[in-house]
Amino acid sequence: MRKFLKVLGELDTQMKRKEAVAKLEELAGIAHEQVVDEDLPLSWRLSWSQVETSVYATLNSIMRSYDAADVKAEIAKIKQAIAELMEKRLRDVE
């Protein structure tokens, strides 16, 4: 539990995406260790499985939003290129 809280405390929302993903993967690993630890009561293991699921859901969300940001950036580049071509065409027509 202390190890999990220590890593969680190190997770800063302003971290670079790569660092945040690495920390979340570490948290998922710690949670998974607790899930499979047969020395822990079943209720604790079930609680840790919920934590692990939440960490992976967060990772999934970060990955999706990152991909969406990439797509938006590419679309913006395409729109800019089209605008520049149209502007050039208008100048050529004049």
PDB file of N, CA and C in Angstrom:
ATOM      1  N   MET A   1       0.825  -1.180   0.000  1.00  0.00           N
ATOM      2  CA  MET A   1       0.000   0.000   0.000  1.00  0.00           C
ATOM      3  C   MET A   1       0.878   1.257   0.000  1.00  0.00           C
ATOM      4  N   ARG A   2       1.911   1.293   0.830  1.00  0.00           N
ATOM      5  CA  ARG A   2       2.774   2.478   0.889  1.00  0.00           C
ATOM      6  C   ARG A   2       3.456   2.724  -0.452  1.00  0.00           C
ATOM      7  N   LYS A   3       3.911   1.630  -1.061  1.00  0.00           N
ATOM      8  CA  LYS A   3       4.589   1.756  -2.359  1.00  0.00           C
ATOM      9  C   LYS A   3       3.633   2.346  -3.388  1.00  0.00           C
ATOM     10  N   PHE A   4       2.393   1.876  -3.398  1.00  0.00           N
ATOM     11  CA  PHE A   4       1.386   2.372  -4.335  1.00  0.00           C
ATOM     12  C   PHE A   4       1.139   3.859  -4.102  1.00  0.00           C
ATOM     13  N   LEU A   5       0.963   4.255  -2.847  1.00  0.00           N
ATOM     14  CA  LEU A   5       0.706   5.655  -2.523  1.00  0.00           C
ATOM     15  C   LEU A   5       1.900   6.537  -2.855  1.00  0.00           C
ATOM     16  N   LYS A   6       3.112   6.000  -2.668  1.00  0.00           N
ATOM     17  CA  LYS A   6       4.316   6.765  -3.001  1.00  0.00           C
ATOM     18  C   LYS A   6       4.346   7.073  -4.495  1.00  0.00           C
ATOM     19  N   VAL A   7       4.113   6.062  -5.317  1.00  0.00           N
ATOM     20  CA  VAL A   7       4.118   6.257  -6.772  1.00  0.00           C
ATOM     21  C   VAL A   7       2.973   7.172  -7.177  1.00  0.00           C
ATOM     22  N   LEU A   8       1.822   6.990  -6.572  1.00  0.00           N
ATOM     23  CA  LEU A   8       0.669   7.837  -6.884  1.00  0.00           C
ATOM     24  C   LEU A   8       0.979   9.295  -6.557  1.00  0.00           C
ATOM     25  N   GLY A   9       1.668   9.523  -5.450  1.00  0.00           N
ATOM     26  CA  GLY A   9       2.046  10.868  -5.070  1.00  0.00           C
ATOM     27  C   GLY A   9       3.016  11.506  -6.039  1.00  0.00           C
ATOM     28  N   GLU A  10       3.812  10.688  -6.711  1.00  0.00           N
ATOM     29  CA  GLU A  10       4.775  11.190  -7.689  1.00  0.00           C
ATOM     30  C   GLU A  10       4.119  11.527  -9.022  1.00  0.00           C
ATOM     31  N   LEU A  11       2.885  11.101  -9.210  1.00  0.00           N
ATOM     32  CA  LEU A  11       2.185  11.318 -10.472  1.00  0.00           C
ATOM     33  C   LEU A  11       1.642  12.739 -10.501  1.00  0.00           C
ATOM     34  N   ASP A  12       2.287  13.589 -11.258  1.00  0.00           N
ATOM     35  CA  ASP A  12       1.916  14.998 -11.369  1.00  0.00           C
ATOM     36  C   ASP A  12       1.153  15.176 -12.675  1.00  0.00           C
ATOM     37  N   THR A  13       0.034  15.870 -12.623  1.00  0.00           N
ATOM     38  CA  THR A  13      -0.784  16.029 -13.825  1.00  0.00           C
ATOM     39  C   THR A  13      -0.071  16.823 -14.905  1.00  0.00           C
ATOM     40  N   GLN A  14       0.990  17.557 -14.533  1.00  0.00           N
ATOM     41  CA  GLN A  14       1.730  18.336 -15.512  1.00  0.00           C
ATOM     42  C   GLN A  14       2.886  17.552 -16.127  1.00  0.00           C
ATOM     43  N   MET A  15       3.021  16.278 -15.733  1.00  0.00           N
ATOM     44  CA  MET A  15       4.107  15.462 -16.274  1.00  0.00           C
ATOM     45  C   MET A  15       3.960  15.296 -17.765  1.00  0.00           C
ATOM     46  N   LYS A  16       5.070  15.050 -18.382  1.00  0.00           N
ATOM     47  CA  LYS A  16       5.002  14.703 -19.793  1.00  0.00           C
ATOM     48  C   LYS A  16       4.209  13.414 -19.914  1.00  0.00           C
ATOM     49  N   ARG A  17       3.531  13.262 -21.006  1.00  0.00           N
ATOM     50  CA  ARG A  17       2.677  12.098 -21.230  1.00  0.00           C
ATOM     51  C   ARG A  17       3.432  10.794 -21.040  1.00  0.00           C
ATOM     52  N   LYS A  18       4.626  10.714 -21.584  1.00  0.00           N
ATOM     53  CA  LYS A  18       5.404   9.476 -21.503  1.00  0.00           C
ATOM     54  C   LYS A  18       5.703   9.111 -20.051  1.00  0.00           C
ATOM     55  N   GLU A  19       6.075  10.103 -19.262  1.00  0.00           N
ATOM     56  CA  GLU A  19       6.366   9.851 -17.857  1.00  0.00           C
ATOM     57  C   GLU A  19       5.106   9.444 -17.105  1.00  0.00           C
ATOM     58  N   ALA A  20       3.992  10.089 -17.417  1.00  0.00           N
ATOM     59  CA  ALA A  20       2.727   9.752 -16.760  1.00  0.00           C
ATOM     60  C   ALA A  20       2.330   8.320 -17.083  1.00  0.00           C
ATOM     61  N   VAL A  21       2.490   7.927 -18.343  1.00  0.00           N
ATOM     62  CA  VAL A  21       2.156   6.559 -18.741  1.00  0.00           C
ATOM     63  C   VAL A  21       3.044   5.564 -18.004  1.00  0.00           C
ATOM     64  N   ALA A  22       4.332   5.865 -17.905  1.00  0.00           N
ATOM     65  CA  ALA A  22       5.257   4.966 -17.205  1.00  0.00           C
ATOM     66  C   ALA A  22       4.863   4.815 -15.739  1.00  0.00           C
ATOM     67  N   LYS A  23       4.512   5.919 -15.081  1.00  0.00           N
ATOM     68  CA  LYS A  23       4.095   5.857 -13.678  1.00  0.00           C
ATOM     69  C   LYS A  23       2.799   5.055 -13.532  1.00  0.00           C
ATOM     70  N   LEU A  24       1.860   5.273 -14.437  1.00  0.00           N
ATOM     71  CA  LEU A  24       0.600   4.533 -14.367  1.00  0.00           C
ATOM     72  C   LEU A  24       0.824   3.043 -14.606  1.00  0.00           C
ATOM     73  N   GLU A  25       1.727   2.709 -15.518  1.00  0.00           N
ATOM     74  CA  GLU A  25       2.042   1.299 -15.746  1.00  0.00           C
ATOM     75  C   GLU A  25       2.661   0.689 -14.489  1.00  0.00           C
ATOM     76  N   GLU A  26       3.492   1.464 -13.808  1.00  0.00           N
ATOM     77  CA  GLU A  26       4.077   0.986 -12.550  1.00  0.00           C
ATOM     78  C   GLU A  26       2.979   0.757 -11.515  1.00  0.00           C
ATOM     79  N   LEU A  27       2.046   1.689 -11.423  1.00  0.00           N
ATOM     80  CA  LEU A  27       0.928   1.535 -10.495  1.00  0.00           C
ATOM     81  C   LEU A  27       0.097   0.301 -10.823  1.00  0.00           C
ATOM     82  N   ALA A  28      -0.139   0.069 -12.103  1.00  0.00           N
ATOM     83  CA  ALA A  28      -0.915  -1.107 -12.515  1.00  0.00           C
ATOM     84  C   ALA A  28      -0.193  -2.386 -12.095  1.00  0.00           C
ATOM     85  N   GLY A  29       1.123  -2.392 -12.244  1.00  0.00           N
ATOM     86  CA  GLY A  29       1.910  -3.560 -11.842  1.00  0.00           C
ATOM     87  C   GLY A  29       1.822  -3.814 -10.344  1.00  0.00           C
ATOM     88  N   ILE A  30       1.913  -2.746  -9.559  1.00  0.00           N
ATOM     89  CA  ILE A  30       1.813  -2.879  -8.101  1.00  0.00           C
ATOM     90  C   ILE A  30       0.430  -3.418  -7.727  1.00  0.00           C
ATOM     91  N   ALA A  31      -0.595  -2.852  -8.333  1.00  0.00           N
ATOM     92  CA  ALA A  31      -1.960  -3.298  -8.046  1.00  0.00           C
ATOM     93  C   ALA A  31      -2.132  -4.762  -8.431  1.00  0.00           C
ATOM     94  N   HIS A  32      -1.573  -5.144  -9.578  1.00  0.00           N
ATOM     95  CA  HIS A  32      -1.712  -6.532 -10.036  1.00  0.00           C
ATOM     96  C   HIS A  32      -1.039  -7.504  -9.061  1.00  0.00           C
ATOM     97  N   GLU A  33       0.113  -7.098  -8.536  1.00  0.00           N
ATOM     98  CA  GLU A  33       0.794  -7.948  -7.547  1.00  0.00           C
ATOM     99  C   GLU A  33      -0.124  -8.224  -6.361  1.00  0.00           C
ATOM    100  N   GLN A  34      -0.881  -7.221  -5.942  1.00  0.00           N
ATOM    101  CA  GLN A  34      -1.803  -7.386  -4.820  1.00  0.00           C
ATOM    102  C   GLN A  34      -2.978  -8.287  -5.204  1.00  0.00           C
ATOM    103  N   VAL A  35      -3.426  -8.169  -6.438  1.00  0.00           N
ATOM    104  CA  VAL A  35      -4.560  -8.974  -6.903  1.00  0.00           C
ATOM    105  C   VAL A  35      -4.225 -10.464  -6.868  1.00  0.00           C
ATOM    106  N   VAL A  36      -3.018 -10.803  -7.244  1.00  0.00           N
ATOM    107  CA  VAL A  36      -2.643 -12.223  -7.333  1.00  0.00           C
ATOM    108  C   VAL A  36      -1.994 -12.756  -6.052  1.00  0.00           C
ATOM    109  N   ASP A  37      -1.849 -11.913  -5.042  1.00  0.00           N
ATOM    110  CA  ASP A  37      -1.246 -12.337  -3.777  1.00  0.00           C
ATOM    111  C   ASP A  37      -2.258 -13.157  -2.978  1.00  0.00           C
ATOM    112  N   GLU A  38      -2.073 -14.462  -2.978  1.00  0.00           N
ATOM    113  CA  GLU A  38      -3.030 -15.356  -2.321  1.00  0.00           C
ATOM    114  C   GLU A  38      -2.986 -15.258  -0.797  1.00  0.00           C
ATOM    115  N   ASP A  39      -1.996 -14.558  -0.258  1.00  0.00           N
ATOM    116  CA  ASP A  39      -1.933 -14.358   1.191  1.00  0.00           C
ATOM    117  C   ASP A  39      -2.885 -13.260   1.666  1.00  0.00           C
ATOM    118  N   LEU A  40      -3.360 -12.455   0.743  1.00  0.00           N
ATOM    119  CA  LEU A  40      -4.293 -11.376   1.095  1.00  0.00           C
ATOM    120  C   LEU A  40      -5.726 -11.904   1.109  1.00  0.00           C
ATOM    121  N   PRO A  41      -6.568 -11.319   1.948  1.00  0.00           N
ATOM    122  CA  PRO A  41      -7.983 -11.719   1.939  1.00  0.00           C
ATOM    123  C   PRO A  41      -8.626 -11.404   0.584  1.00  0.00           C
ATOM    124  N   LEU A  42      -9.588 -12.206   0.237  1.00  0.00           N
ATOM    125  CA  LEU A  42     -10.262 -12.041  -1.052  1.00  0.00           C
ATOM    126  C   LEU A  42     -10.835 -10.638  -1.220  1.00  0.00           C
ATOM    127  N   SER A  43     -11.392 -10.074  -0.160  1.00  0.00           N
ATOM    128  CA  SER A  43     -11.977  -8.738  -0.265  1.00  0.00           C
ATOM    129  C   SER A  43     -10.917  -7.700  -0.645  1.00  0.00           C
ATOM    130  N   TRP A  44      -9.708  -7.830  -0.110  1.00  0.00           N
ATOM    131  CA  TRP A  44      -8.622  -6.914  -0.462  1.00  0.00           C
ATOM    132  C   TRP A  44      -8.212  -7.121  -1.911  1.00  0.00           C
ATOM    133  N   ARG A  45      -8.122  -8.366  -2.309  1.00  0.00           N
ATOM    134  CA  ARG A  45      -7.727  -8.669  -3.689  1.00  0.00           C
ATOM    135  C   ARG A  45      -8.742  -8.105  -4.674  1.00  0.00           C
ATOM    136  N   LEU A  46     -10.032  -8.206  -4.329  1.00  0.00           N
ATOM    137  CA  LEU A  46     -11.072  -7.648  -5.200  1.00  0.00           C
ATOM    138  C   LEU A  46     -10.958  -6.129  -5.267  1.00  0.00           C
ATOM    139  N   SER A  47     -10.671  -5.510  -4.136  1.00  0.00           N
ATOM    140  CA  SER A  47     -10.497  -4.052  -4.128  1.00  0.00           C
ATOM    141  C   SER A  47      -9.309  -3.645  -4.992  1.00  0.00           C
ATOM    142  N   TRP A  48      -8.220  -4.393  -4.889  1.00  0.00           N
ATOM    143  CA  TRP A  48      -7.047  -4.089  -5.714  1.00  0.00           C
ATOM    144  C   TRP A  48      -7.341  -4.316  -7.197  1.00  0.00           C
ATOM    145  N   SER A  49      -8.210  -5.277  -7.501  1.00  0.00           N
ATOM    146  CA  SER A  49      -8.553  -5.487  -8.917  1.00  0.00           C
ATOM    147  C   SER A  49      -9.307  -4.283  -9.466  1.00  0.00           C
ATOM    148  N   GLN A  50     -10.118  -3.639  -8.628  1.00  0.00           N
ATOM    149  CA  GLN A  50     -10.814  -2.420  -9.050  1.00  0.00           C
ATOM    150  C   GLN A  50      -9.824  -1.281  -9.270  1.00  0.00           C
ATOM    151  N   VAL A  51      -8.812  -1.215  -8.405  1.00  0.00           N
ATOM    152  CA  VAL A  51      -7.773  -0.197  -8.572  1.00  0.00           C
ATOM    153  C   VAL A  51      -7.028  -0.434  -9.878  1.00  0.00           C
ATOM    154  N   GLU A  52      -6.656  -1.686 -10.120  1.00  0.00           N
ATOM    155  CA  GLU A  52      -5.938  -2.025 -11.352  1.00  0.00           C
ATOM    156  C   GLU A  52      -6.776  -1.666 -12.574  1.00  0.00           C
ATOM    157  N   THR A  53      -8.051  -1.976 -12.534  1.00  0.00           N
ATOM    158  CA  THR A  53      -8.945  -1.649 -13.646  1.00  0.00           C
ATOM    159  C   THR A  53      -9.013  -0.139 -13.867  1.00  0.00           C
ATOM    160  N   SER A  54      -9.085   0.619 -12.795  1.00  0.00           N
ATOM    161  CA  SER A  54      -9.135   2.080 -12.905  1.00  0.00           C
ATOM    162  C   SER A  54      -7.854   2.647 -13.505  1.00  0.00           C
ATOM    163  N   VAL A  55      -6.721   2.084 -13.097  1.00  0.00           N
ATOM    164  CA  VAL A  55      -5.440   2.552 -13.643  1.00  0.00           C
ATOM    165  C   VAL A  55      -5.386   2.283 -15.140  1.00  0.00           C
ATOM    166  N   TYR A  56      -5.788   1.084 -15.550  1.00  0.00           N
ATOM    167  CA  TYR A  56      -5.767   0.770 -16.985  1.00  0.00           C
ATOM    168  C   TYR A  56      -6.779   1.610 -17.763  1.00  0.00           C
ATOM    169  N   ALA A  57      -7.911   1.921 -17.168  1.00  0.00           N
ATOM    170  CA  ALA A  57      -8.883   2.797 -17.835  1.00  0.00           C
ATOM    171  C   ALA A  57      -8.286   4.187 -18.039  1.00  0.00           C
ATOM    172  N   THR A  58      -7.543   4.658 -17.046  1.00  0.00           N
ATOM    173  CA  THR A  58      -6.886   5.955 -17.160  1.00  0.00           C
ATOM    174  C   THR A  58      -5.829   5.923 -18.255  1.00  0.00           C
ATOM    175  N   LEU A  59      -5.043   4.859 -18.286  1.00  0.00           N
ATOM    176  CA  LEU A  59      -4.043   4.711 -19.350  1.00  0.00           C
ATOM    177  C   LEU A  59      -4.701   4.727 -20.721  1.00  0.00           C
ATOM    178  N   ASN A  60      -5.786   3.993 -20.847  1.00  0.00           N
ATOM    179  CA  ASN A  60      -6.507   3.931 -22.111  1.00  0.00           C
ATOM    180  C   ASN A  60      -6.995   5.317 -22.521  1.00  0.00           C
ATOM    181  N   SER A  61      -7.500   6.051 -21.566  1.00  0.00           N
ATOM    182  CA  SER A  61      -7.984   7.403 -21.841  1.00  0.00           C
ATOM    183  C   SER A  61      -6.853   8.311 -22.307  1.00  0.00           C
ATOM    184  N   ILE A  62      -5.715   8.235 -21.641  1.00  0.00           N
ATOM    185  CA  ILE A  62      -4.558   9.050 -22.041  1.00  0.00           C
ATOM    186  C   ILE A  62      -4.130   8.698 -23.458  1.00  0.00           C
ATOM    187  N   MET A  63      -4.080   7.431 -23.771  1.00  0.00           N
ATOM    188  CA  MET A  63      -3.650   7.006 -25.104  1.00  0.00           C
ATOM    189  C   MET A  63      -4.640   7.474 -26.173  1.00  0.00           C
ATOM    190  N   ARG A  64      -5.930   7.369 -25.882  1.00  0.00           N
ATOM    191  CA  ARG A  64      -6.930   7.809 -26.857  1.00  0.00           C
ATOM    192  C   ARG A  64      -6.873   9.312 -27.073  1.00  0.00           C
ATOM    193  N   SER A  65      -6.747  10.056 -26.004  1.00  0.00           N
ATOM    194  CA  SER A  65      -6.726  11.514 -26.146  1.00  0.00           C
ATOM    195  C   SER A  65      -5.460  11.956 -26.862  1.00  0.00           C
ATOM    196  N   TYR A  66      -4.374  11.267 -26.643  1.00  0.00           N
ATOM    197  CA  TYR A  66      -3.128  11.586 -27.333  1.00  0.00           C
ATOM    198  C   TYR A  66      -3.297  11.339 -28.828  1.00  0.00           C
ATOM    199  N   ASP A  67      -3.888  10.198 -29.166  1.00  0.00           N
ATOM    200  CA  ASP A  67      -4.122   9.892 -30.575  1.00  0.00           C
ATOM    201  C   ASP A  67      -5.039  10.933 -31.210  1.00  0.00           C
ATOM    202  N   ALA A  68      -6.072  11.342 -30.482  1.00  0.00           N
ATOM    203  CA  ALA A  68      -7.001  12.343 -30.998  1.00  0.00           C
ATOM    204  C   ALA A  68      -6.277  13.664 -31.231  1.00  0.00           C
ATOM    205  N   ALA A  69      -5.371  14.006 -30.322  1.00  0.00           N
ATOM    206  CA  ALA A  69      -4.607  15.248 -30.480  1.00  0.00           C
ATOM    207  C   ALA A  69      -3.735  15.175 -31.731  1.00  0.00           C
ATOM    208  N   ASP A  70      -3.131  14.030 -31.978  1.00  0.00           N
ATOM    209  CA  ASP A  70      -2.327  13.849 -33.191  1.00  0.00           C
ATOM    210  C   ASP A  70      -3.176  14.015 -34.438  1.00  0.00           C
ATOM    211  N   VAL A  71      -4.353  13.412 -34.426  1.00  0.00           N
ATOM    212  CA  VAL A  71      -5.247  13.500 -35.580  1.00  0.00           C
ATOM    213  C   VAL A  71      -5.669  14.950 -35.798  1.00  0.00           C
ATOM    214  N   LYS A  72      -6.025  15.651 -34.725  1.00  0.00           N
ATOM    215  CA  LYS A  72      -6.422  17.047 -34.850  1.00  0.00           C
ATOM    216  C   LYS A  72      -5.282  17.886 -35.411  1.00  0.00           C
ATOM    217  N   ALA A  73      -4.083  17.617 -34.974  1.00  0.00           N
ATOM    218  CA  ALA A  73      -2.917  18.366 -35.471  1.00  0.00           C
ATOM    219  C   ALA A  73      -2.711  18.107 -36.958  1.00  0.00           C
ATOM    220  N   GLU A  74      -2.859  16.872 -37.370  1.00  0.00           N
ATOM    221  CA  GLU A  74      -2.708  16.542 -38.788  1.00  0.00           C
ATOM    222  C   GLU A  74      -3.802  17.202 -39.624  1.00  0.00           C
ATOM    223  N   ILE A  75      -5.026  17.201 -39.110  1.00  0.00           N
ATOM    224  CA  ILE A  75      -6.129  17.858 -39.824  1.00  0.00           C
ATOM    225  C   ILE A  75      -5.862  19.353 -39.940  1.00  0.00           C
ATOM    226  N   ALA A  76      -5.348  19.949 -38.880  1.00  0.00           N
ATOM    227  CA  ALA A  76      -5.014  21.383 -38.917  1.00  0.00           C
ATOM    228  C   ALA A  76      -3.957  21.667 -39.981  1.00  0.00           C
ATOM    229  N   LYS A  77      -2.973  20.789 -40.098  1.00  0.00           N
ATOM    230  CA  LYS A  77      -1.929  20.959 -41.121  1.00  0.00           C
ATOM    231  C   LYS A  77      -2.535  20.879 -42.524  1.00  0.00           C
ATOM    232  N   ILE A  78      -3.436  19.931 -42.713  1.00  0.00           N
ATOM    233  CA  ILE A  78      -4.085  19.770 -44.019  1.00  0.00           C
ATOM    234  C   ILE A  78      -4.917  21.009 -44.344  1.00  0.00           C
ATOM    235  N   LYS A  79      -5.683  21.488 -43.360  1.00  0.00           N
ATOM    236  CA  LYS A  79      -6.491  22.695 -43.579  1.00  0.00           C
ATOM    237  C   LYS A  79      -5.605  23.883 -43.935  1.00  0.00           C
ATOM    238  N   GLN A  80      -4.479  24.026 -43.254  1.00  0.00           N
ATOM    239  CA  GLN A  80      -3.555  25.120 -43.533  1.00  0.00           C
ATOM    240  C   GLN A  80      -2.997  25.012 -44.947  1.00  0.00           C
ATOM    241  N   ALA A  81      -2.625  23.800 -45.340  1.00  0.00           N
ATOM    242  CA  ALA A  81      -2.095  23.596 -46.687  1.00  0.00           C
ATOM    243  C   ALA A  81      -3.137  23.938 -47.736  1.00  0.00           C
ATOM    244  N   ILE A  82      -4.394  23.549 -47.514  1.00  0.00           N
ATOM    245  CA  ILE A  82      -5.474  23.858 -48.451  1.00  0.00           C
ATOM    246  C   ILE A  82      -5.693  25.370 -48.518  1.00  0.00           C
ATOM    247  N   ALA A  83      -5.694  26.023 -47.355  1.00  0.00           N
ATOM    248  CA  ALA A  83      -5.877  27.478 -47.322  1.00  0.00           C
ATOM    249  C   ALA A  83      -4.764  28.175 -48.102  1.00  0.00           C
ATOM    250  N   GLU A  84      -3.530  27.713 -47.929  1.00  0.00           N
ATOM    251  CA  GLU A  84      -2.413  28.307 -48.647  1.00  0.00           C
ATOM    252  C   GLU A  84      -2.539  28.089 -50.152  1.00  0.00           C
ATOM    253  N   LEU A  85      -2.974  26.900 -50.550  1.00  0.00           N
ATOM    254  CA  LEU A  85      -3.160  26.612 -51.978  1.00  0.00           C
ATOM    255  C   LEU A  85      -4.262  27.491 -52.564  1.00  0.00           C
ATOM    256  N   MET A  86      -5.357  27.652 -51.832  1.00  0.00           N
ATOM    257  CA  MET A  86      -6.451  28.481 -52.324  1.00  0.00           C
ATOM    258  C   MET A  86      -6.013  29.940 -52.426  1.00  0.00           C
ATOM    259  N   GLU A  87      -5.254  30.396 -51.446  1.00  0.00           N
ATOM    260  CA  GLU A  87      -4.761  31.765 -51.480  1.00  0.00           C
ATOM    261  C   GLU A  87      -3.837  31.971 -52.684  1.00  0.00           C
ATOM    262  N   LYS A  88      -2.978  31.006 -52.931  1.00  0.00           N
ATOM    263  CA  LYS A  88      -2.064  31.088 -54.073  1.00  0.00           C
ATOM    264  C   LYS A  88      -2.858  31.084 -55.380  1.00  0.00           C
ATOM    265  N   ARG A  89      -3.873  30.254 -55.435  1.00  0.00           N
ATOM    266  CA  ARG A  89      -4.687  30.176 -56.644  1.00  0.00           C
ATOM    267  C   ARG A  89      -5.384  31.505 -56.914  1.00  0.00           C
ATOM    268  N   LEU A  90      -5.913  32.123 -55.849  1.00  0.00           N
ATOM    269  CA  LEU A  90      -6.563  33.420 -55.999  1.00  0.00           C
ATOM    270  C   LEU A  90      -5.572  34.474 -56.518  1.00  0.00           C
ATOM    271  N   ARG A  91      -4.357  34.450 -56.020  1.00  0.00           N
ATOM    272  CA  ARG A  91      -3.332  35.400 -56.482  1.00  0.00           C
ATOM    273  C   ARG A  91      -2.986  35.132 -57.946  1.00  0.00           C
ATOM    274  N   ASP A  92      -2.934  33.864 -58.307  1.00  0.00           N
ATOM    275  CA  ASP A  92      -2.598  33.504 -59.686  1.00  0.00           C
ATOM    276  C   ASP A  92      -3.704  33.933 -60.653  1.00  0.00           C
ATOM    277  N   VAL A  93      -4.943  33.897 -60.227  1.00  0.00           N
ATOM    278  CA  VAL A  93      -6.087  34.277 -61.057  1.00  0.00           C
ATOM    279  C   VAL A  93      -6.106  35.788 -61.273  1.00  0.00           C
ATOM    280  N   GLU A  94      -5.697  36.536 -60.254  1.00  0.00           N
ATOM    281  CA  GLU A  94      -5.731  38.001 -60.357  1.00  0.00           C
ATOM    282  C   GLU A  94      -4.685  38.401 -61.304  1.00  0.00           C
TER     283      GLU A  94
END
